[in-house]
């Protein structure tokens, strides 16, 4: 079963500062069974699953949520698998389109 998070639900898992932990942490949760379901629904390619491709991994400031960005066939579009670090489970995914201004949180000046 997969759960597509709304944009608001996705934002609720973020913080003002997100930390890149791609190189500094091991996987907390095995996301690949969830990704296999995303492949079955045509959301992620089989190649991403087979090669376990990850673009980048972020943690929020409280270290309660992890965002695992998976590549797609479209430039600047990612499937973000969201992990609840406290519960140690995948809570869902969100398709992040960085070319869509409405989907990119603006930095406060």
Protein backbone atom coordinates (compact mmCIF):
# COMPACT_ATOMS: atom_id res chain seq x y z
CA UNK A 1 0.00 0.00 0.00
CA UNK A 2 1.22 3.49 -0.83
CA UNK A 3 0.21 6.88 0.51
CA UNK A 4 0.63 10.03 -1.54
CA UNK A 5 1.08 12.95 0.83
CA UNK A 6 -0.57 16.25 -0.01
CA UNK A 7 1.70 19.24 -0.34
CA UNK A 8 0.56 20.44 3.08
CA UNK A 9 1.24 17.04 4.68
CA UNK A 10 4.67 17.03 3.06
CA UNK A 11 5.42 20.54 4.37
CA UNK A 12 4.40 19.44 7.88
CA UNK A 13 7.39 17.05 7.86
CA UNK A 14 9.85 19.81 7.00
CA UNK A 15 11.61 22.44 9.05
CA UNK A 16 13.14 25.78 8.16
CA UNK A 17 16.54 24.10 7.98
CA UNK A 18 16.83 20.68 6.39
CA UNK A 19 20.15 18.87 6.85
CA UNK A 20 21.76 16.84 4.08
CA UNK A 21 22.62 13.49 5.70
CA UNK A 22 23.23 11.57 2.49
CA UNK A 23 26.86 10.83 3.28
CA UNK A 24 26.72 10.85 7.06
CA UNK A 25 23.97 8.43 8.06
CA UNK A 26 22.89 4.89 7.38
CA UNK A 27 19.36 4.07 6.33
CA UNK A 28 17.04 4.12 9.32
CA UNK A 29 14.26 2.28 7.52
CA UNK A 30 14.36 -0.03 4.51
CA UNK A 31 12.39 2.07 2.00
CA UNK A 32 12.80 -0.36 -0.90
CA UNK A 33 9.69 -2.50 -0.26
CA UNK A 34 7.69 0.76 -0.39
CA UNK A 35 9.55 1.82 -3.53
CA UNK A 36 8.61 -1.53 -5.12
CA UNK A 37 4.96 -0.54 -4.68
CA UNK A 38 5.72 2.83 -6.28
CA UNK A 39 7.17 0.95 -9.27
CA UNK A 40 3.98 -1.13 -9.58
CA UNK A 41 1.97 2.11 -9.74
CA UNK A 42 4.29 3.66 -12.34
CA UNK A 43 5.55 6.37 -10.00
CA UNK A 44 9.18 5.21 -9.85
CA UNK A 45 11.13 3.37 -12.54
CA UNK A 46 12.27 -0.22 -12.17
CA UNK A 47 15.85 0.98 -12.66
CA UNK A 48 15.68 3.20 -9.57
CA UNK A 49 14.51 0.20 -7.55
CA UNK A 50 17.06 -2.23 -8.97
CA UNK A 51 19.99 0.17 -8.52
CA UNK A 52 18.57 1.60 -5.28
CA UNK A 53 19.25 5.08 -6.64
CA UNK A 54 18.99 7.94 -4.17
CA UNK A 55 19.64 11.56 -5.11
CA UNK A 56 19.87 13.01 -1.61
CA UNK A 57 18.62 12.42 1.93
CA UNK A 58 17.50 15.19 4.30
CA UNK A 59 16.53 15.26 7.97
CA UNK A 60 14.44 18.01 9.53
CA UNK A 61 15.82 20.06 12.44
CA UNK A 62 14.21 17.87 15.11
CA UNK A 63 15.49 14.70 13.41
CA UNK A 64 11.95 13.34 13.38
CA UNK A 65 11.50 13.03 9.61
CA UNK A 66 13.72 11.88 6.79
CA UNK A 67 13.18 12.82 3.15
CA UNK A 68 14.70 10.42 0.64
CA UNK A 69 14.71 11.98 -2.82
CA UNK A 70 14.53 9.49 -5.68
CA UNK A 71 15.25 10.51 -9.27
CA UNK A 72 12.61 10.49 -12.00
CA UNK A 73 12.75 10.71 -15.79
CA UNK A 74 11.98 14.43 -15.54
CA UNK A 75 14.66 16.97 -14.69
CA UNK A 76 14.06 18.76 -11.37
CA UNK A 77 11.26 16.34 -10.39
CA UNK A 78 11.78 13.89 -7.53
CA UNK A 79 9.75 11.32 -5.66
CA UNK A 80 10.31 12.06 -1.98
CA UNK A 81 9.82 9.08 0.32
CA UNK A 82 9.05 10.43 3.79
CA UNK A 83 10.16 8.41 6.81
CA UNK A 84 9.00 8.99 10.39
CA UNK A 85 12.26 8.52 12.29
CA UNK A 86 10.57 8.13 15.68
CA UNK A 87 8.23 5.38 14.49
CA UNK A 88 10.82 4.00 12.05
CA UNK A 89 8.36 3.68 9.18
CA UNK A 90 7.58 5.13 5.78
CA UNK A 91 4.58 7.43 6.07
CA UNK A 92 4.21 8.12 2.37
CA UNK A 93 5.62 9.91 -0.61
CA UNK A 94 5.31 13.22 -2.38
CA UNK A 95 6.15 14.18 -5.95
CA UNK A 96 8.32 17.28 -5.71
CA UNK A 97 8.48 19.38 -8.86
CA UNK A 98 11.15 22.04 -8.40
CA UNK A 99 10.04 23.76 -11.62
CA UNK A 100 6.64 24.51 -10.05
CA UNK A 101 6.87 27.69 -7.96
CA UNK A 102 3.89 26.62 -5.88
CA UNK A 103 5.81 23.55 -4.70
CA UNK A 104 9.03 25.25 -3.69
CA UNK A 105 8.98 26.80 -0.19
CA UNK A 106 10.29 30.35 -0.35
CA UNK A 107 13.22 31.21 1.86
CA UNK A 108 12.52 34.03 4.29
CA UNK A 109 14.70 37.06 3.79
